[in-house]
Amino acid sequence: MKERRKQLVGRVTSNKMDKTVVIAVERTTRHPLYGKVLTRVKKYKAHDEQSECQIGDQVRIIESRPLSREKRWRVIEILEHAERIA
């Protein structure tokens, strides 16, 4: 059976909560009247069980059942680690 849950790719903007990260997902869209290409950003709270995501990491998230009042997504993989500045 085909997977019906949505998957999104975005960057981690905050990891200050316990087992929760904030993911910013960018999408481009055209203005309906003027045609200019606009970048829209939406933030999602996602569950990170091992707390292994760091700020700047690119991650893939998947839809899940409600885990708390605002958490409806889970981190399934880290696609790219951010460079760490010493």
N, C-alpha and C. Protein backbone atom coordinates (compact mmCIF):
# COMPACT_ATOMS: atom_id res chain seq x y z
N MET A 1 0.83 -1.18 0.00
CA MET A 1 0.00 0.00 0.00
C MET A 1 0.87 1.25 0.00
N LYS A 2 0.48 2.23 -0.78
CA LYS A 2 1.27 3.44 -0.90
C LYS A 2 1.17 4.29 0.36
N GLU A 3 2.29 4.89 0.73
CA GLU A 3 2.33 5.76 1.90
C GLU A 3 1.52 7.02 1.62
N ARG A 4 0.55 7.32 2.49
CA ARG A 4 -0.33 8.47 2.27
C ARG A 4 0.03 9.68 3.11
N ARG A 5 0.98 9.51 4.03
CA ARG A 5 1.35 10.64 4.89
C ARG A 5 2.27 11.61 4.16
N LYS A 6 2.08 12.89 4.41
CA LYS A 6 2.88 13.92 3.76
C LYS A 6 4.30 13.92 4.33
N GLN A 7 5.25 14.25 3.46
CA GLN A 7 6.63 14.41 3.87
C GLN A 7 7.11 15.78 3.40
N LEU A 8 7.87 16.46 4.25
CA LEU A 8 8.41 17.78 3.93
C LEU A 8 9.88 17.81 4.27
N VAL A 9 10.62 18.70 3.59
CA VAL A 9 12.04 18.89 3.86
C VAL A 9 12.24 20.33 4.29
N GLY A 10 12.98 20.53 5.39
CA GLY A 10 13.22 21.88 5.88
C GLY A 10 14.45 21.95 6.76
N ARG A 11 14.72 23.15 7.28
CA ARG A 11 15.88 23.39 8.13
C ARG A 11 15.46 23.57 9.58
N VAL A 12 16.28 23.06 10.48
CA VAL A 12 16.02 23.20 11.91
C VAL A 12 16.36 24.64 12.32
N THR A 13 15.40 25.32 12.93
CA THR A 13 15.64 26.70 13.39
C THR A 13 15.77 26.78 14.91
N SER A 14 15.23 25.79 15.63
CA SER A 14 15.34 25.79 17.09
C SER A 14 15.32 24.36 17.61
N ASN A 15 16.16 24.09 18.62
CA ASN A 15 16.16 22.78 19.27
C ASN A 15 16.22 22.94 20.79
N LYS A 16 15.68 24.02 21.29
CA LYS A 16 15.77 24.32 22.72
C LYS A 16 14.79 23.52 23.57
N MET A 17 13.78 22.93 22.95
CA MET A 17 12.80 22.15 23.70
C MET A 17 13.26 20.70 23.84
N ASP A 18 12.69 19.99 24.79
CA ASP A 18 13.04 18.59 25.01
C ASP A 18 12.32 17.72 23.98
N LYS A 19 13.08 17.00 23.14
CA LYS A 19 12.57 16.09 22.12
C LYS A 19 11.69 16.77 21.08
N THR A 20 11.85 18.08 20.90
CA THR A 20 11.08 18.83 19.91
C THR A 20 12.01 19.78 19.18
N VAL A 21 11.83 19.88 17.86
CA VAL A 21 12.58 20.84 17.05
C VAL A 21 11.58 21.64 16.22
N VAL A 22 11.99 22.86 15.87
CA VAL A 22 11.18 23.70 14.99
C VAL A 22 11.82 23.66 13.61
N ILE A 23 11.02 23.31 12.61
CA ILE A 23 11.50 23.17 11.24
C ILE A 23 10.88 24.27 10.39
N ALA A 24 11.71 25.01 9.64
CA ALA A 24 11.23 26.02 8.70
C ALA A 24 11.24 25.41 7.30
N VAL A 25 10.06 25.34 6.69
CA VAL A 25 9.92 24.77 5.34
C VAL A 25 9.66 25.91 4.38
N GLU A 26 10.52 26.05 3.36
CA GLU A 26 10.37 27.10 2.36
C GLU A 26 9.68 26.55 1.13
N ARG A 27 8.82 27.37 0.53
CA ARG A 27 8.22 27.02 -0.75
C ARG A 27 8.14 28.28 -1.58
N THR A 28 8.20 28.12 -2.89
CA THR A 28 8.09 29.28 -3.78
C THR A 28 6.73 29.25 -4.46
N THR A 29 6.16 30.43 -4.63
CA THR A 29 4.86 30.56 -5.25
C THR A 29 4.85 31.85 -6.06
N ARG A 30 3.97 31.92 -7.02
CA ARG A 30 3.84 33.13 -7.83
C ARG A 30 2.73 34.01 -7.29
N HIS A 31 2.94 35.32 -7.33
CA HIS A 31 1.89 36.25 -6.96
C HIS A 31 0.77 36.14 -8.00
N PRO A 32 -0.49 36.03 -7.54
CA PRO A 32 -1.58 35.78 -8.48
C PRO A 32 -1.79 36.90 -9.51
N LEU A 33 -1.51 38.14 -9.17
CA LEU A 33 -1.75 39.24 -10.09
C LEU A 33 -0.48 39.68 -10.82
N TYR A 34 0.61 39.86 -10.07
CA TYR A 34 1.82 40.43 -10.64
C TYR A 34 2.81 39.42 -11.16
N GLY A 35 2.68 38.15 -10.77
CA GLY A 35 3.54 37.10 -11.31
C GLY A 35 4.92 37.00 -10.69
N LYS A 36 5.23 37.85 -9.73
CA LYS A 36 6.54 37.78 -9.08
C LYS A 36 6.66 36.50 -8.27
N VAL A 37 7.84 35.90 -8.29
CA VAL A 37 8.09 34.68 -7.53
C VAL A 37 8.38 35.07 -6.08
N LEU A 38 7.59 34.52 -5.16
CA LEU A 38 7.72 34.82 -3.74
C LEU A 38 8.17 33.57 -2.99
N THR A 39 8.93 33.77 -1.93
CA THR A 39 9.34 32.68 -1.05
C THR A 39 8.51 32.76 0.22
N ARG A 40 7.81 31.68 0.52
CA ARG A 40 6.99 31.60 1.72
C ARG A 40 7.64 30.61 2.68
N VAL A 41 7.63 30.95 3.97
CA VAL A 41 8.23 30.08 4.99
C VAL A 41 7.15 29.74 6.01
N LYS A 42 7.02 28.44 6.31
CA LYS A 42 6.09 28.00 7.36
C LYS A 42 6.89 27.17 8.35
N LYS A 43 6.58 27.34 9.63
CA LYS A 43 7.31 26.62 10.68
C LYS A 43 6.43 25.51 11.24
N TYR A 44 7.06 24.36 11.43
CA TYR A 44 6.39 23.19 12.01
C TYR A 44 7.17 22.73 13.22
N LYS A 45 6.46 22.25 14.25
CA LYS A 45 7.11 21.61 15.39
C LYS A 45 7.11 20.11 15.13
N ALA A 46 8.28 19.49 15.29
CA ALA A 46 8.42 18.07 14.99
C ALA A 46 9.06 17.35 16.17
N HIS A 47 8.71 16.06 16.31
CA HIS A 47 9.22 15.23 17.38
C HIS A 47 10.58 14.66 16.98
N ASP A 48 11.57 14.83 17.85
CA ASP A 48 12.93 14.32 17.63
C ASP A 48 13.27 13.47 18.85
N GLU A 49 13.03 12.17 18.75
CA GLU A 49 13.11 11.27 19.91
C GLU A 49 14.47 11.27 20.59
N GLN A 50 15.57 11.21 19.82
CA GLN A 50 16.91 11.15 20.42
C GLN A 50 17.53 12.53 20.61
N SER A 51 16.85 13.59 20.26
CA SER A 51 17.36 14.97 20.35
C SER A 51 18.70 15.09 19.64
N GLU A 52 18.79 14.55 18.42
CA GLU A 52 20.05 14.58 17.69
C GLU A 52 20.12 15.69 16.66
N CYS A 53 19.02 16.41 16.40
CA CYS A 53 19.03 17.51 15.43
C CYS A 53 19.67 18.75 16.04
N GLN A 54 20.48 19.42 15.24
CA GLN A 54 21.10 20.68 15.65
C GLN A 54 20.60 21.80 14.75
N ILE A 55 20.75 23.04 15.20
CA ILE A 55 20.29 24.19 14.41
C ILE A 55 21.06 24.22 13.09
N GLY A 56 20.33 24.38 12.00
CA GLY A 56 20.92 24.44 10.67
C GLY A 56 20.88 23.13 9.91
N ASP A 57 20.56 22.02 10.57
CA ASP A 57 20.47 20.74 9.88
C ASP A 57 19.29 20.73 8.91
N GLN A 58 19.47 20.05 7.79
CA GLN A 58 18.36 19.85 6.87
C GLN A 58 17.76 18.48 7.17
N VAL A 59 16.44 18.44 7.40
CA VAL A 59 15.79 17.21 7.83
C VAL A 59 14.55 16.94 7.01
N ARG A 60 14.13 15.66 7.01
CA ARG A 60 12.86 15.26 6.41
C ARG A 60 11.90 14.92 7.53
N ILE A 61 10.68 15.48 7.46
CA ILE A 61 9.68 15.21 8.48
C ILE A 61 8.47 14.55 7.83
N ILE A 62 7.74 13.78 8.64
CA ILE A 62 6.57 13.06 8.14
C ILE A 62 5.39 13.34 9.07
N GLU A 63 4.22 13.39 8.49
CA GLU A 63 3.00 13.62 9.24
C GLU A 63 2.76 12.47 10.21
N SER A 64 2.20 12.77 11.39
CA SER A 64 1.90 11.72 12.35
C SER A 64 0.66 12.12 13.14
N ARG A 65 0.27 11.25 14.05
CA ARG A 65 -0.85 11.57 14.93
C ARG A 65 -0.45 12.73 15.83
N PRO A 66 -1.40 13.45 16.42
CA PRO A 66 -1.04 14.54 17.32
C PRO A 66 -0.24 14.03 18.53
N LEU A 67 0.93 14.62 18.74
CA LEU A 67 1.80 14.22 19.84
C LEU A 67 1.70 15.19 21.02
N SER A 68 1.28 16.41 20.75
CA SER A 68 1.04 17.41 21.78
C SER A 68 0.13 18.45 21.16
N ARG A 69 -0.01 19.59 21.82
CA ARG A 69 -0.95 20.59 21.30
C ARG A 69 -0.57 21.10 19.91
N GLU A 70 0.73 21.26 19.64
CA GLU A 70 1.17 21.80 18.36
C GLU A 70 1.99 20.83 17.52
N LYS A 71 2.39 19.69 18.09
CA LYS A 71 3.25 18.74 17.36
C LYS A 71 2.43 17.73 16.60
N ARG A 72 2.56 17.75 15.25
CA ARG A 72 1.88 16.77 14.40
C ARG A 72 2.84 16.15 13.39
N TRP A 73 4.14 16.33 13.58
CA TRP A 73 5.16 15.84 12.65
C TRP A 73 6.25 15.13 13.43
N ARG A 74 6.96 14.20 12.75
CA ARG A 74 8.10 13.49 13.33
C ARG A 74 9.29 13.62 12.39
N VAL A 75 10.48 13.74 12.94
CA VAL A 75 11.70 13.74 12.13
C VAL A 75 12.01 12.30 11.76
N ILE A 76 12.15 12.03 10.44
CA ILE A 76 12.46 10.65 10.05
C ILE A 76 13.92 10.49 9.64
N GLU A 77 14.55 11.57 9.14
CA GLU A 77 15.98 11.46 8.82
C GLU A 77 16.62 12.83 8.73
N ILE A 78 17.91 12.87 9.03
CA ILE A 78 18.69 14.08 8.88
C ILE A 78 19.41 13.96 7.53
N LEU A 79 19.08 14.87 6.61
CA LEU A 79 19.65 14.80 5.26
C LEU A 79 21.04 15.41 5.20
N GLU A 80 21.24 16.48 5.95
CA GLU A 80 22.52 17.19 5.87
C GLU A 80 22.78 17.87 7.21
N HIS A 81 23.96 17.66 7.75
CA HIS A 81 24.33 18.30 9.01
C HIS A 81 24.88 19.69 8.73
N ALA A 82 24.58 20.63 9.60
CA ALA A 82 25.11 21.98 9.50
C ALA A 82 26.56 21.98 9.94
N GLU A 83 27.33 22.91 9.42
CA GLU A 83 28.72 23.02 9.83
C GLU A 83 28.78 23.58 11.23
N ARG A 84 29.60 22.96 12.07
CA ARG A 84 29.75 23.39 13.45
C ARG A 84 30.92 24.37 13.54
N ILE A 85 30.67 25.52 14.15
CA ILE A 85 31.72 26.51 14.33
C ILE A 85 32.26 26.36 15.75
N ALA A 86 33.56 26.14 15.86
CA ALA A 86 34.17 25.88 17.17
C ALA A 86 34.34 27.13 17.99
